[in-house]
Amino acid sequence: MPYTDLREFLKTLEREGELARIKEPVSPILEISEVTDRVSKTPGGGKALLFEKVEGYSVPVLTNMLGSEKRIKLALGYENLEDIGWKLYRLLRPEIPNTFLEKLKRLPELKKLNDSLPRIVRKGPVKENIIKEKINVLDFPIPKCWPEDGGRYITFGQVITKDPESGIRNVGLYRVQVLSPTELALHWQIHKDGNHHYWKAKRLGKKLEVAIAIGGDPVLSYVASAPLPPEVDEYLFAGLIREEGVELVKGETVQVEYPAHAEIAIEGYVDPQEPLVDEGPFGDHTGFYTPVDKYPRMHITAILHRDNPIYLSTLVGRPPQEDKYIGWATERIFLPLIKFNLPEVVDYHLPAEGCFHNFCFVSIKKRYPGHAFKVAYALLGLGLMSLEKVIVVFDEWVNVHNMEEVLWAWGNNMDPSRDVLILKGPIDVLDHSTSQVGVGGKMVIDATTKWKEEGYTREWPKVIEMSKEVKEKMDKLWDRIKYQIYGDNRGA
């Protein structure tokens, strides 16, 4: 069963020993970040942290909620996250039934899809308190994350907009800087759907309404980060994961719906006719500060919150952080879609240490000369995979999640003069290494076994492996040998 709200998920985390309650008074200015950073860098990502005594506030702060493999599986409700990917695949690539019997077989699947649709409800806990006068977003303990940040930042808000032409909803995970008690700066990058909505509104001469939801079922926080196609509603995707539609309420001052069981909701608008404002610096997931740049100003028209709300935040910075596990979940969930478009792909990995967009390691079933480059070109044409800076292609037997094996195969199978291509294309705007923002160089490396048709004139050597007979014999003796090596503590 899906979680109704954040509070229900916290009960699960506490029951599973995955939640630490911090009773020591700490400041939202840098101190919450320092504690969270230390915990998130422990093996396995540490525990979720509920800061119960935030100096100057009665509202507790939750961080590192999804910062472990166990917690993100608990949040999404799946042990194998690729199962979610196959659900998304069936939504995007529906098979047309050819017979009446096949149509009947599709009925349960169609019912599940219908059950997953977002539902508008009249009331929800998020509307227990509605503030339209004397608005002050700093009534909530919004952290300042790093010393040189331009201010306090909302980092785990579901930023909700609608396409001004089609009305299709988008939910994005964008950092939001607090400019004043009633004004925010929205950092939606040029490649993101929120930015597309902004430019459409500007062209049409309209204001763009915005809602920012904080909390709710943890699935909602995850789907805001998912790189879905523009036509797929993130809350529909959340419903597919939950197998139950997300309950939404209509805004009080905007025609935008948001989760009924959120802890906090911020309503407002962006006027594209207004000049952009300075946003930043901000210590981002690259581990470096991104400099000041120009982004839209959001005017707050209402703030709503539950009784005794919990403020949800995430910390980004030098990896590993909580987003390591969020990115890992995305990698696993979207593997089925990549396999559909590229059946030769066995697996891929976007290491958190490479900030997800710096390195992509992919293993393939190689079938013809130049196959590695074909796969790399195709990946660079798939959504936000277009922002990848270095793609390294391996044979199918290479475990792309094992860095020892990756470096071994990469170093041994690649000749820089033959197997490296330098290209140019779009780059993540947070990448500070490029001479221009958002565009720069890319590198494709073929680390597969080379064929004569690819210009390799020597005989490719075999990988060293023990004979099957010897391995089987030693398997039978291994328990006794382990005992003789390790003794009682680590023996059979």
Protein backbone atom coordinates (compact mmCIF):
# COMPACT_ATOMS: atom_id res chain seq x y z
CA MET A 1 0.00 0.00 0.00
CA PRO A 2 1.29 3.50 -0.76
CA TYR A 3 2.07 6.01 1.96
CA THR A 4 -0.62 8.59 2.59
CA ASP A 5 1.88 11.26 3.54
CA LEU A 6 5.34 12.02 4.85
CA ARG A 7 4.34 11.26 8.42
CA GLU A 8 3.34 7.71 7.58
CA PHE A 9 6.68 7.18 5.87
CA LEU A 10 8.52 8.47 8.93
CA LYS A 11 6.76 5.83 11.04
CA THR A 12 8.05 3.16 8.64
CA LEU A 13 11.58 4.57 8.80
CA GLU A 14 11.50 4.60 12.58
CA ARG A 15 10.22 1.03 12.68
CA GLU A 16 13.00 -0.05 10.32
CA GLY A 17 15.69 1.73 12.34
CA GLU A 18 16.28 4.17 9.48
CA LEU A 19 15.43 7.43 11.28
CA ALA A 20 17.52 9.41 13.77
CA ARG A 21 15.86 12.10 15.86
CA ILE A 22 18.28 14.96 16.53
CA LYS A 23 17.32 16.60 19.83
CA GLU A 24 20.35 18.89 20.08
CA PRO A 25 19.46 22.51 19.14
CA VAL A 26 20.95 23.38 15.73
CA SER A 27 20.67 26.40 13.46
CA PRO A 28 19.19 26.20 9.95
CA ILE A 29 22.08 28.42 8.90
CA LEU A 30 24.83 25.94 7.91
CA GLU A 31 24.60 23.71 11.00
CA ILE A 32 21.88 21.37 9.68
CA SER A 33 23.98 21.03 6.52
CA GLU A 34 27.13 20.14 8.43
CA VAL A 35 25.40 17.35 10.34
CA THR A 36 23.67 16.07 7.20
CA ASP A 37 26.91 16.14 5.20
CA ARG A 38 28.76 14.08 7.80
CA VAL A 39 25.99 11.48 7.98
CA SER A 40 25.41 11.20 4.21
CA LYS A 41 29.11 10.46 3.68
CA THR A 42 29.09 7.44 6.00
CA PRO A 43 29.02 3.96 4.38
CA GLY A 44 25.57 3.23 2.95
CA GLY A 45 24.42 6.84 3.31
CA GLY A 46 23.59 6.87 7.03
CA LYS A 47 20.12 7.46 8.46
CA ALA A 48 17.36 9.93 7.69
CA LEU A 49 17.64 12.88 10.09
CA LEU A 50 14.77 14.64 11.84
CA PHE A 51 16.02 17.82 13.51
CA GLU A 52 13.46 18.35 16.24
CA LYS A 53 14.90 21.52 17.78
CA VAL A 54 15.74 24.05 15.08
CA GLU A 55 16.89 27.32 16.64
CA GLY A 56 14.25 30.02 16.27
CA TYR A 57 11.56 27.65 14.97
CA SER A 58 8.97 25.19 16.23
CA VAL A 59 8.95 23.37 12.87
CA PRO A 60 11.26 20.31 12.60
CA VAL A 61 13.46 19.72 9.54
CA LEU A 62 13.87 16.35 7.80
CA THR A 63 16.96 15.66 5.70
CA ASN A 64 18.58 12.63 4.02
CA MET A 65 15.12 11.05 3.63
CA LEU A 66 16.05 9.05 0.52
CA GLY A 67 19.76 8.83 1.24
CA SER A 68 20.21 5.04 1.21
CA GLU A 69 19.35 2.15 -1.08
CA LYS A 70 17.06 0.69 1.56
CA ARG A 71 15.15 3.93 2.15
CA ILE A 72 14.56 4.71 -1.49
CA LYS A 73 13.26 1.18 -2.03
CA LEU A 74 10.99 1.62 0.99
CA ALA A 75 9.80 4.97 -0.38
CA LEU A 76 9.01 3.63 -3.85
CA GLY A 77 7.67 0.30 -2.60
CA TYR A 78 9.75 -1.93 -4.90
CA GLU A 79 12.69 -4.22 -4.29
CA ASN A 80 13.57 -4.28 -8.00
CA LEU A 81 13.31 -0.72 -9.31
CA GLU A 82 13.44 -1.88 -12.93
CA ASP A 83 9.87 -3.12 -12.42
CA ILE A 84 8.85 0.55 -12.24
CA GLY A 85 10.62 1.14 -15.53
CA TRP A 86 8.61 -1.57 -17.26
CA LYS A 87 5.42 0.07 -16.01
CA LEU A 88 6.54 3.36 -17.52
CA TYR A 89 7.47 1.54 -20.72
CA ARG A 90 3.95 0.13 -21.04
CA LEU A 91 2.54 3.64 -20.56
CA LEU A 92 4.74 5.17 -23.25
CA ARG A 93 4.75 2.20 -25.66
CA PRO A 94 1.28 0.62 -25.44
CA GLU A 95 0.78 -2.51 -27.52
CA ILE A 96 -2.29 -2.48 -29.74
CA PRO A 97 -4.40 -5.66 -29.19
CA ASN A 98 -5.13 -7.59 -32.39
CA THR A 99 -7.97 -9.80 -31.20
CA PHE A 100 -11.02 -9.50 -28.95
CA LEU A 101 -9.39 -11.90 -26.45
CA GLU A 102 -6.29 -9.70 -26.31
CA LYS A 103 -8.53 -6.69 -25.68
CA LEU A 104 -10.15 -8.50 -22.77
CA LYS A 105 -6.71 -9.33 -21.36
CA ARG A 106 -5.85 -5.63 -21.48
CA LEU A 107 -8.81 -4.62 -19.28
CA PRO A 108 -7.05 -5.18 -15.92
CA GLU A 109 -4.05 -3.21 -17.16
CA LEU A 110 -6.31 -0.36 -18.33
CA LYS A 111 -8.08 -0.37 -14.98
CA LYS A 112 -4.71 -0.06 -13.22
CA LEU A 113 -3.87 2.89 -15.44
CA ASN A 114 -7.22 4.50 -14.67
CA ASP A 115 -6.67 3.91 -10.94
CA SER A 116 -3.30 5.65 -11.26
CA LEU A 117 -4.72 8.93 -12.59
CA PRO A 118 -4.43 11.93 -10.25
CA ARG A 119 -7.69 12.74 -8.46
CA ILE A 120 -8.93 16.21 -7.54
CA VAL A 121 -10.39 16.35 -4.02
CA ARG A 122 -12.16 19.25 -2.33
CA LYS A 123 -10.11 19.34 0.85
CA GLY A 124 -6.78 18.11 2.10
CA PRO A 125 -4.58 18.42 5.20
CA VAL A 126 -2.32 20.91 3.40
CA LYS A 127 -5.17 23.44 3.64
CA GLU A 128 -5.49 23.27 7.42
CA ASN A 129 -3.80 26.68 7.52
CA ILE A 130 -4.18 29.21 4.68
CA ILE A 131 -2.11 32.40 4.76
CA LYS A 132 -2.89 35.18 2.27
CA GLU A 133 -2.00 38.16 4.46
CA LYS A 134 1.32 38.95 6.13
CA ILE A 135 3.03 36.28 4.05
CA ASN A 136 6.52 35.33 5.20
CA VAL A 137 8.13 32.23 3.74
CA LEU A 138 10.88 32.58 6.37
CA ASP A 139 8.38 31.50 9.00
CA PHE A 140 9.67 28.07 7.98
CA PRO A 141 13.22 26.87 8.83
CA ILE A 142 14.57 26.97 5.27
CA PRO A 143 18.28 26.14 5.53
CA LYS A 144 21.23 28.02 4.20
CA CYS A 145 23.32 25.10 2.95
CA TRP A 146 26.86 26.36 2.35
CA PRO A 147 28.86 29.41 3.52
CA GLU A 148 28.98 31.22 0.18
CA ASP A 149 25.38 30.50 -0.90
CA GLY A 150 23.46 33.57 -1.97
CA GLY A 151 20.85 32.92 0.70
CA ARG A 152 18.48 30.29 1.99
CA TYR A 153 17.25 27.67 -0.48
CA ILE A 154 14.21 25.44 -0.84
CA THR A 155 15.90 22.31 -2.18
CA PHE A 156 13.24 19.58 -2.12
CA GLY A 157 10.15 21.39 -3.36
CA GLN A 158 7.95 19.99 -6.12
CA VAL A 159 7.79 22.99 -8.47
CA ILE A 160 4.51 22.71 -10.40
CA THR A 161 3.61 24.61 -13.58
CA LYS A 162 1.30 24.06 -16.53
CA ASP A 163 2.11 24.42 -20.21
CA PRO A 164 0.42 27.74 -21.17
CA GLU A 165 -0.76 26.20 -24.47
CA SER A 166 -1.60 22.56 -23.76
CA GLY A 167 -2.31 22.77 -20.03
CA ILE A 168 -0.13 19.69 -19.41
CA ARG A 169 1.29 19.74 -15.90
CA ASN A 170 4.99 19.54 -15.13
CA VAL A 171 6.52 18.84 -11.75
CA GLY A 172 10.21 19.65 -11.47
CA LEU A 173 12.84 19.55 -8.77
CA TYR A 174 14.53 22.95 -9.03
CA ARG A 175 16.42 24.85 -6.39
CA VAL A 176 14.54 27.93 -5.17
CA GLN A 177 16.31 30.87 -3.56
CA VAL A 178 14.53 33.00 -0.96
CA LEU A 179 14.87 36.64 -2.04
CA SER A 180 12.50 38.14 0.53
CA PRO A 181 9.55 37.02 2.68
CA THR A 182 7.30 37.16 -0.41
CA GLU A 183 9.70 36.56 -3.32
CA LEU A 184 11.65 33.60 -4.63
CA ALA A 185 14.07 32.98 -7.52
CA LEU A 186 13.34 29.84 -9.59
CA HIS A 187 16.43 28.11 -10.95
CA TRP A 188 14.89 26.15 -13.81
CA GLN A 189 17.66 25.44 -16.29
CA ILE A 190 17.39 25.85 -20.05
CA HIS A 191 16.88 22.12 -20.63
CA LYS A 192 14.02 21.76 -18.13
CA ASP A 193 10.26 21.84 -18.79
CA GLY A 194 9.61 24.62 -16.28
CA ASN A 195 11.86 26.86 -18.36
CA HIS A 196 9.95 25.90 -21.52
CA HIS A 197 6.67 26.89 -19.83
CA TYR A 198 8.22 30.22 -18.83
CA TRP A 199 9.26 31.07 -22.40
CA LYS A 200 5.88 30.04 -23.78
CA ALA A 201 4.19 32.33 -21.26
CA LYS A 202 6.54 35.15 -22.24
CA ARG A 203 5.73 34.69 -25.92
CA LEU A 204 2.01 34.67 -25.16
CA GLY A 205 2.24 37.67 -22.86
CA LYS A 206 0.85 35.71 -19.89
CA LYS A 207 1.85 35.34 -16.29
CA LEU A 208 2.88 31.81 -15.36
CA GLU A 209 1.27 30.43 -12.22
CA VAL A 210 3.47 28.30 -9.96
CA ALA A 211 2.92 26.10 -6.92
CA ILE A 212 5.67 24.60 -4.78
CA ALA A 213 4.69 21.57 -2.70
CA ILE A 214 6.90 20.30 0.11
CA GLY A 215 6.41 16.80 1.50
CA GLY A 216 3.63 14.29 1.00
CA ASP A 217 4.13 10.67 -0.03
CA PRO A 218 7.93 10.35 -0.59
CA VAL A 219 7.20 9.03 -4.10
CA LEU A 220 6.16 12.58 -5.02
CA SER A 221 9.53 14.01 -4.01
CA TYR A 222 11.24 11.39 -6.18
CA VAL A 223 9.11 11.83 -9.33
CA ALA A 224 9.81 15.58 -9.33
CA SER A 225 13.42 14.65 -10.14
CA ALA A 226 12.62 11.99 -12.79
CA PRO A 227 13.63 12.83 -16.39
CA LEU A 228 10.23 12.07 -17.92
CA PRO A 229 9.14 13.08 -21.43
CA PRO A 230 7.28 16.44 -21.45
CA GLU A 231 3.91 14.81 -22.19
CA VAL A 232 4.02 12.53 -19.13
CA ASP A 233 2.53 14.02 -15.95
CA GLU A 234 4.83 13.31 -13.01
CA TYR A 235 1.85 12.77 -10.72
CA LEU A 236 0.48 10.16 -13.15
CA PHE A 237 3.88 8.47 -12.96
CA ALA A 238 3.65 8.63 -9.17
CA GLY A 239 0.22 6.98 -9.43
CA LEU A 240 1.68 4.17 -11.54
CA ILE A 241 4.33 3.57 -8.90
CA ARG A 242 1.81 3.74 -6.04
CA GLU A 243 -0.89 1.83 -8.00
CA GLU A 244 -3.20 4.46 -6.62
CA GLY A 245 -3.89 7.97 -7.88
CA VAL A 246 -2.37 10.98 -6.15
CA GLU A 247 -4.93 13.17 -4.42
CA LEU A 248 -4.59 16.81 -5.49
CA VAL A 249 -6.29 19.99 -4.31
CA LYS A 250 -6.85 23.14 -6.33
CA GLY A 251 -4.88 26.20 -5.38
CA GLU A 252 -6.42 29.06 -3.43
CA THR A 253 -4.88 31.82 -5.57
CA VAL A 254 -3.66 29.85 -8.62
CA GLN A 255 -5.23 27.43 -11.10
CA VAL A 256 -2.59 24.84 -10.27
CA GLU A 257 -3.24 21.64 -8.36
CA TYR A 258 -0.84 20.18 -5.81
CA PRO A 259 -0.75 17.19 -3.41
CA ALA A 260 -3.51 17.30 -0.81
CA HIS A 261 -1.28 15.64 1.79
CA ALA A 262 1.76 17.89 1.32
CA GLU A 263 3.17 19.47 4.46
CA ILE A 264 3.52 22.93 2.93
CA ALA A 265 2.40 24.56 -0.34
CA ILE A 266 3.54 27.90 -1.73
CA GLU A 267 1.41 29.56 -4.41
CA GLY A 268 2.41 32.39 -6.69
CA TYR A 269 3.28 33.51 -10.17
CA VAL A 270 6.11 34.58 -12.44
CA ASP A 271 5.63 37.60 -14.69
CA PRO A 272 7.81 37.03 -17.79
CA GLN A 273 7.64 40.74 -18.57
CA GLU A 274 9.64 41.52 -15.43
CA PRO A 275 13.44 41.54 -15.62
CA LEU A 276 15.26 38.44 -14.43
CA VAL A 277 16.93 38.60 -11.02
CA ASP A 278 20.29 37.52 -9.65
CA GLU A 279 20.20 33.94 -8.34
CA GLY A 280 23.13 32.30 -6.57
CA PRO A 281 25.84 31.47 -5.81
CA PHE A 282 24.81 27.99 -4.72
CA GLY A 283 26.85 24.98 -3.62
CA ASP A 284 25.51 22.38 -6.01
CA HIS A 285 25.75 18.62 -6.53
CA THR A 286 28.94 19.04 -8.57
CA GLY A 287 30.75 19.90 -5.34
CA PHE A 288 31.44 23.42 -6.60
CA TYR A 289 29.57 26.70 -6.27
CA THR A 290 27.61 27.69 -9.35
CA PRO A 291 27.96 31.44 -9.91
CA VAL A 292 25.31 34.13 -9.92
CA ASP A 293 23.08 34.06 -13.00
CA LYS A 294 19.75 35.51 -14.08
CA TYR A 295 16.50 33.64 -13.34
CA PRO A 296 12.78 34.47 -12.96
CA ARG A 297 11.32 36.02 -9.82
CA MET A 298 8.29 34.31 -8.25
CA HIS A 299 5.79 36.41 -6.31
CA ILE A 300 4.17 34.50 -3.44
CA THR A 301 0.39 34.93 -3.23
CA ALA A 302 -0.39 32.36 -0.53
CA ILE A 303 1.23 29.84 1.79
CA LEU A 304 -0.66 26.82 3.06
CA HIS A 305 0.46 24.25 5.58
CA ARG A 306 -0.68 21.41 7.78
CA ASP A 307 -0.96 21.72 11.53
CA ASN A 308 2.49 21.10 13.01
CA PRO A 309 4.20 20.83 9.60
CA ILE A 310 7.48 19.06 8.91
CA TYR A 311 9.92 20.91 6.62
CA LEU A 312 11.58 18.58 4.10
CA SER A 313 14.99 19.52 2.73
CA THR A 314 17.82 17.85 0.85
CA LEU A 315 21.49 18.75 0.85
CA VAL A 316 23.57 18.71 -2.32
CA GLY A 317 27.30 19.23 -2.48
CA ARG A 318 30.48 17.25 -2.98
CA PRO A 319 29.37 13.63 -3.49
CA PRO A 320 28.24 11.38 -2.01
CA GLN A 321 25.02 13.00 -0.81
CA GLU A 322 21.36 11.96 -0.77
CA ASP A 323 21.10 12.53 -4.53
CA LYS A 324 23.48 9.57 -5.04
CA TYR A 325 20.58 7.25 -4.25
CA ILE A 326 17.98 9.34 -6.07
CA GLY A 327 20.19 9.20 -9.17
CA TRP A 328 20.74 5.47 -8.72
CA ALA A 329 16.97 4.93 -8.61
CA THR A 330 16.55 6.92 -11.84
CA GLU A 331 19.30 4.91 -13.48
CA ARG A 332 17.57 1.62 -12.61
CA ILE A 333 14.03 2.80 -13.41
CA PHE A 334 14.92 4.11 -16.85
CA LEU A 335 17.06 1.13 -17.94
CA PRO A 336 14.04 -0.65 -19.53
CA LEU A 337 13.29 2.40 -21.70
CA ILE A 338 16.91 2.56 -22.82
CA LYS A 339 16.83 -1.17 -23.61
CA PHE A 340 13.66 -0.68 -25.64
CA ASN A 341 15.31 1.97 -27.79
CA LEU A 342 18.66 0.15 -27.84
CA PRO A 343 18.15 -3.63 -27.43
CA GLU A 344 21.89 -4.24 -27.58
CA VAL A 345 22.40 -2.42 -24.27
CA VAL A 346 23.02 -4.81 -21.35
CA ASP A 347 23.44 -2.25 -18.59
CA TYR A 348 24.60 1.29 -17.89
CA HIS A 349 25.88 3.29 -14.95
CA LEU A 350 25.97 7.02 -14.20
CA PRO A 351 28.32 7.21 -11.20
CA ALA A 352 27.45 9.75 -8.51
CA GLU A 353 31.13 10.59 -8.26
CA GLY A 354 30.82 11.86 -11.84
CA CYS A 355 27.78 13.97 -10.82
CA PHE A 356 25.66 11.74 -13.10
CA HIS A 357 26.30 13.87 -16.21
CA ASN A 358 30.10 13.54 -16.44
CA PHE A 359 30.40 9.80 -17.08
CA CYS A 360 28.19 7.12 -18.58
CA PHE A 361 29.52 3.56 -18.61
CA VAL A 362 27.50 1.24 -20.85
CA SER A 363 27.89 -2.44 -21.71
CA ILE A 364 26.57 -3.83 -25.00
CA LYS A 365 26.18 -7.02 -27.00
CA LYS A 366 28.51 -6.04 -29.82
CA ARG A 367 27.37 -7.36 -33.21
CA TYR A 368 29.22 -5.37 -35.89
CA PRO A 369 32.15 -2.99 -36.42
CA GLY A 370 31.54 0.49 -35.03
CA HIS A 371 28.68 -0.74 -32.86
CA ALA A 372 30.06 1.01 -29.76
CA PHE A 373 29.94 4.41 -31.47
CA LYS A 374 26.42 3.78 -32.77
CA VAL A 375 25.21 3.16 -29.20
CA ALA A 376 26.98 6.25 -27.88
CA TYR A 377 25.44 8.47 -30.57
CA ALA A 378 22.00 7.05 -29.80
CA LEU A 379 22.38 7.67 -26.06
CA LEU A 380 23.32 11.28 -26.75
CA GLY A 381 19.97 11.65 -28.49
CA LEU A 382 17.84 10.37 -25.58
CA GLY A 383 16.38 13.16 -23.43
CA LEU A 384 18.71 14.39 -20.70
CA MET A 385 21.27 11.73 -21.69
CA SER A 386 22.19 14.39 -24.26
CA LEU A 387 24.03 16.19 -21.45
CA GLU A 388 26.47 13.34 -20.81
CA LYS A 389 30.07 14.47 -21.18
CA VAL A 390 31.98 11.17 -21.44
CA ILE A 391 30.47 7.89 -22.67
CA VAL A 392 32.59 4.73 -22.38
CA VAL A 393 31.28 1.58 -24.09
CA PHE A 394 32.26 -1.90 -22.88
CA ASP A 395 31.64 -5.53 -23.84
CA GLU A 396 28.61 -7.24 -22.28
CA TRP A 397 30.65 -9.18 -19.71
CA VAL A 398 31.99 -6.03 -18.05
CA ASN A 399 30.19 -5.05 -14.82
CA VAL A 400 29.79 -1.31 -15.33
CA HIS A 401 28.97 -0.81 -11.62
CA ASN A 402 32.33 -2.22 -10.52
CA MET A 403 34.86 0.60 -10.81
CA GLU A 404 37.82 -1.79 -10.54
CA GLU A 405 36.52 -3.76 -13.51
CA VAL A 406 35.60 -0.59 -15.44
CA LEU A 407 39.07 0.92 -15.10
CA TRP A 408 40.73 -2.41 -15.89
CA ALA A 409 38.73 -2.92 -19.10
CA TRP A 410 38.89 0.77 -20.07
CA GLY A 411 42.65 0.98 -19.70
CA ASN A 412 43.40 -2.30 -21.43
CA ASN A 413 40.95 -2.16 -24.36
CA MET A 414 41.29 1.45 -25.47
CA ASP A 415 43.89 2.98 -27.78
CA PRO A 416 43.48 6.80 -27.61
CA SER A 417 44.66 7.27 -31.18
CA ARG A 418 41.94 4.95 -32.53
CA ASP A 419 39.12 4.61 -30.02
CA VAL A 420 38.37 8.16 -28.87
CA LEU A 421 36.02 10.64 -30.54
CA ILE A 422 35.71 14.29 -29.51
CA LEU A 423 32.30 15.81 -30.22
CA LYS A 424 30.40 18.95 -29.30
CA GLY A 425 26.92 19.41 -27.94
CA PRO A 426 24.71 20.49 -25.03
CA ILE A 427 26.22 20.24 -21.55
CA ASP A 428 24.66 20.57 -18.11
CA VAL A 429 24.59 24.29 -17.25
CA LEU A 430 26.12 23.47 -13.84
CA ASP A 431 29.30 22.26 -15.58
CA HIS A 432 31.92 24.94 -14.91
CA SER A 433 34.63 23.41 -17.12
CA THR A 434 33.18 24.56 -20.46
CA SER A 435 34.08 27.92 -21.97
CA GLN A 436 30.39 28.64 -22.62
CA VAL A 437 27.43 27.88 -20.38
CA GLY A 438 25.43 24.85 -21.51
CA VAL A 439 27.52 23.84 -24.53
CA GLY A 440 30.89 22.13 -24.77
CA GLY A 441 32.93 19.10 -25.70
CA LYS A 442 32.00 15.43 -25.38
CA MET A 443 34.13 12.32 -25.52
CA VAL A 444 33.09 8.88 -26.74
CA ILE A 445 35.42 5.98 -25.93
CA ASP A 446 35.19 2.50 -27.41
CA ALA A 447 36.53 0.13 -24.75
CA THR A 448 35.14 -3.01 -26.40
CA THR A 449 37.09 -5.88 -27.93
CA LYS A 450 38.40 -4.69 -31.30
CA TRP A 451 37.72 -6.49 -34.55
CA LYS A 452 39.88 -6.69 -37.68
CA GLU A 453 37.15 -4.74 -39.51
CA GLU A 454 37.84 -1.90 -37.07
CA GLY A 455 41.49 -1.75 -38.08
CA TYR A 456 42.94 -4.09 -35.46
CA THR A 457 45.60 -6.15 -37.22
CA ARG A 458 46.94 -8.14 -34.27
CA GLU A 459 45.36 -11.10 -32.45
CA TRP A 460 43.21 -9.90 -29.55
CA PRO A 461 44.31 -11.70 -26.36
CA LYS A 462 42.06 -13.85 -24.19
CA VAL A 463 41.01 -12.79 -20.71
CA ILE A 464 42.73 -14.91 -18.06
CA GLU A 465 40.34 -17.45 -16.55
CA MET A 466 40.81 -20.59 -14.49
CA SER A 467 39.67 -23.88 -16.01
CA LYS A 468 36.14 -25.01 -15.18
CA GLU A 469 37.32 -28.34 -13.76
CA VAL A 470 39.69 -26.73 -11.27
CA LYS A 471 37.08 -24.20 -10.16
CA GLU A 472 34.49 -26.93 -9.55
CA LYS A 473 36.98 -28.99 -7.54
CA MET A 474 37.98 -26.00 -5.40
CA ASP A 475 34.31 -25.08 -4.88
CA LYS A 476 33.79 -28.44 -3.18
CA LEU A 477 36.83 -27.91 -0.95
CA TRP A 478 36.30 -24.21 -0.32
CA ASP A 479 34.49 -24.38 3.02
CA ARG A 480 37.33 -26.39 4.55
CA ILE A 481 40.00 -24.21 2.97
CA LYS A 482 38.26 -21.06 4.25
CA TYR A 483 38.27 -22.51 7.74
CA GLN A 484 42.00 -23.23 7.51
CA ILE A 485 42.64 -19.68 6.28
CA TYR A 486 40.31 -17.69 8.52
CA GLY A 487 39.62 -19.97 11.45
CA ASP A 488 36.42 -20.07 13.51
CA ASN A 489 35.39 -16.45 12.89
CA ARG A 490 35.20 -16.61 9.13
CA GLY A 491 35.17 -20.33 8.41
CA ALA A 492 32.38 -22.59 7.23
